[in-house]
Protein backbone atom coordinates (compact mmCIF):
# COMPACT_ATOMS: atom_id res chain seq x y z
CA MET A 1 -0.63 -4.38 -12.71
CA ASP A 2 2.19 -3.90 -10.26
CA ASP A 3 5.30 -6.01 -10.93
CA ALA A 4 5.05 -7.67 -7.50
CA THR A 5 1.46 -8.84 -8.06
CA ILE A 6 1.24 -12.62 -8.02
CA ILE A 7 -0.05 -13.99 -11.32
CA CYS A 8 0.32 -17.71 -10.51
CA ARG A 9 -0.30 -18.54 -6.87
CA CYS A 10 0.50 -22.23 -7.28
CA GLU A 11 4.01 -21.53 -8.60
CA ASP A 12 4.48 -18.14 -6.87
CA LEU A 13 5.10 -16.21 -10.10
CA THR A 14 4.70 -12.44 -10.31
CA TYR A 15 3.94 -10.17 -13.25
CA GLU A 16 7.61 -9.19 -13.16
CA ASP A 17 8.63 -12.85 -13.60
CA ILE A 18 6.27 -13.28 -16.56
CA ARG A 19 7.33 -10.01 -18.19
CA ASP A 20 10.96 -11.06 -17.84
CA TRP A 21 10.31 -14.35 -19.68
CA ILE A 22 8.38 -12.52 -22.41
CA GLN A 23 11.34 -10.14 -22.89
CA ARG A 24 13.61 -13.18 -23.21
CA GLY A 25 11.55 -14.27 -26.22
CA TYR A 26 9.00 -16.68 -24.78
CA THR A 27 5.79 -15.47 -26.39
CA SER A 28 3.31 -18.35 -26.25
CA LEU A 29 1.35 -19.93 -23.42
CA ASP A 30 3.09 -23.28 -23.87
CA GLU A 31 6.58 -21.74 -23.90
CA ILE A 32 5.99 -19.81 -20.69
CA LYS A 33 4.29 -22.82 -19.11
CA ARG A 34 7.33 -24.99 -19.84
CA VAL A 35 9.94 -22.59 -18.49
CA THR A 36 8.01 -21.33 -15.44
CA ARG A 37 5.44 -24.07 -14.62
CA CYS A 38 2.77 -21.34 -14.79
CA GLY A 39 -0.53 -23.20 -15.11
CA MET A 40 0.87 -26.52 -13.89
CA GLY A 41 -0.02 -26.20 -10.22
CA GLN A 42 -3.07 -27.44 -8.37
CA CYS A 43 -5.47 -25.10 -10.15
CA GLN A 44 -4.20 -26.25 -13.59
CA GLY A 45 -4.22 -22.66 -14.85
CA ARG A 46 -7.78 -21.76 -13.87
CA THR A 47 -6.53 -18.62 -12.15
CA CYS A 48 -3.34 -17.70 -13.97
CA ARG A 49 -4.09 -18.65 -17.60
CA PRO A 50 -6.42 -15.66 -18.26
CA LEU A 51 -3.95 -13.30 -16.56
CA LEU A 52 -1.05 -14.74 -18.54
CA MET A 53 -3.02 -14.40 -21.79
CA GLN A 54 -3.79 -10.75 -21.00
CA GLU A 55 -0.12 -10.02 -20.29
CA LEU A 56 1.02 -11.81 -23.46
CA SER A 57 -1.53 -9.85 -25.48
CA LYS A 58 -0.47 -6.55 -23.95
CA SER A 59 3.27 -7.23 -24.31
CA THR A 60 3.31 -8.82 -27.76
CA GLY A 61 0.24 -7.39 -29.49
CA GLN A 62 -1.24 -10.87 -30.01
CA ASN A 63 -5.00 -11.14 -30.17
CA ILE A 64 -6.24 -13.27 -27.27
CA ALA A 65 -8.85 -14.93 -29.49
CA GLN A 66 -6.09 -16.15 -31.83
CA MET A 67 -3.70 -17.44 -29.15
CA GLN A 68 -3.17 -21.16 -29.18
CA MET A 69 -4.34 -22.73 -25.93
CA SER A 70 -1.72 -24.56 -23.90
CA THR A 71 -1.89 -28.33 -23.60
CA PHE A 72 -3.60 -29.98 -20.65
CA ARG A 73 -2.54 -33.24 -19.12
CA PRO A 74 -4.80 -33.96 -16.17
CA PRO A 75 -4.09 -36.99 -14.03
CA LEU A 76 -5.60 -40.20 -15.35
CA GLU A 77 -7.05 -41.03 -11.97
CA PRO A 78 -7.05 -39.04 -8.74
CA MET A 79 -4.78 -40.58 -6.14
CA LYS A 80 -4.51 -40.03 -2.41
CA ILE A 81 -1.11 -39.07 -1.02
CA ARG A 82 -1.42 -41.94 1.46
CA ALA A 83 -1.32 -44.45 -1.43
CA ILE A 84 1.94 -42.95 -2.63
CA LEU A 85 3.47 -42.87 0.85
CA GLU A 86 2.48 -46.44 1.58
CA HIS A 87 3.63 -47.80 -1.79
CA LYS A 88 6.29 -50.48 -1.58
CA GLU A 89 8.50 -51.72 -4.38
CA ASP A 90 8.59 -55.46 -5.07
CA ASP A 91 12.10 -55.75 -3.63
CA GLU A 92 11.01 -54.08 -0.36
CA ILE A 93 8.37 -56.72 0.51
């Protein structure tokens, strides 16, 4: 893929960005997720995780089937933005 191709739309990361982090020594899904936020956007990695795994496999020689999956921490309960915006602290009442 071309270096300018977006791999993570939520965090606006390109293949060039990911390749740069791999060259710096970050060679697992969790490591790259932590330093780039790749997979932490709205899609929670549905789009970028397979692309990231392919790039890691290609760059490091790791077998995709043996890669450890990154951790997932979905929200406990969906929340509307309005609830956050309208929230008042006890001392504001």
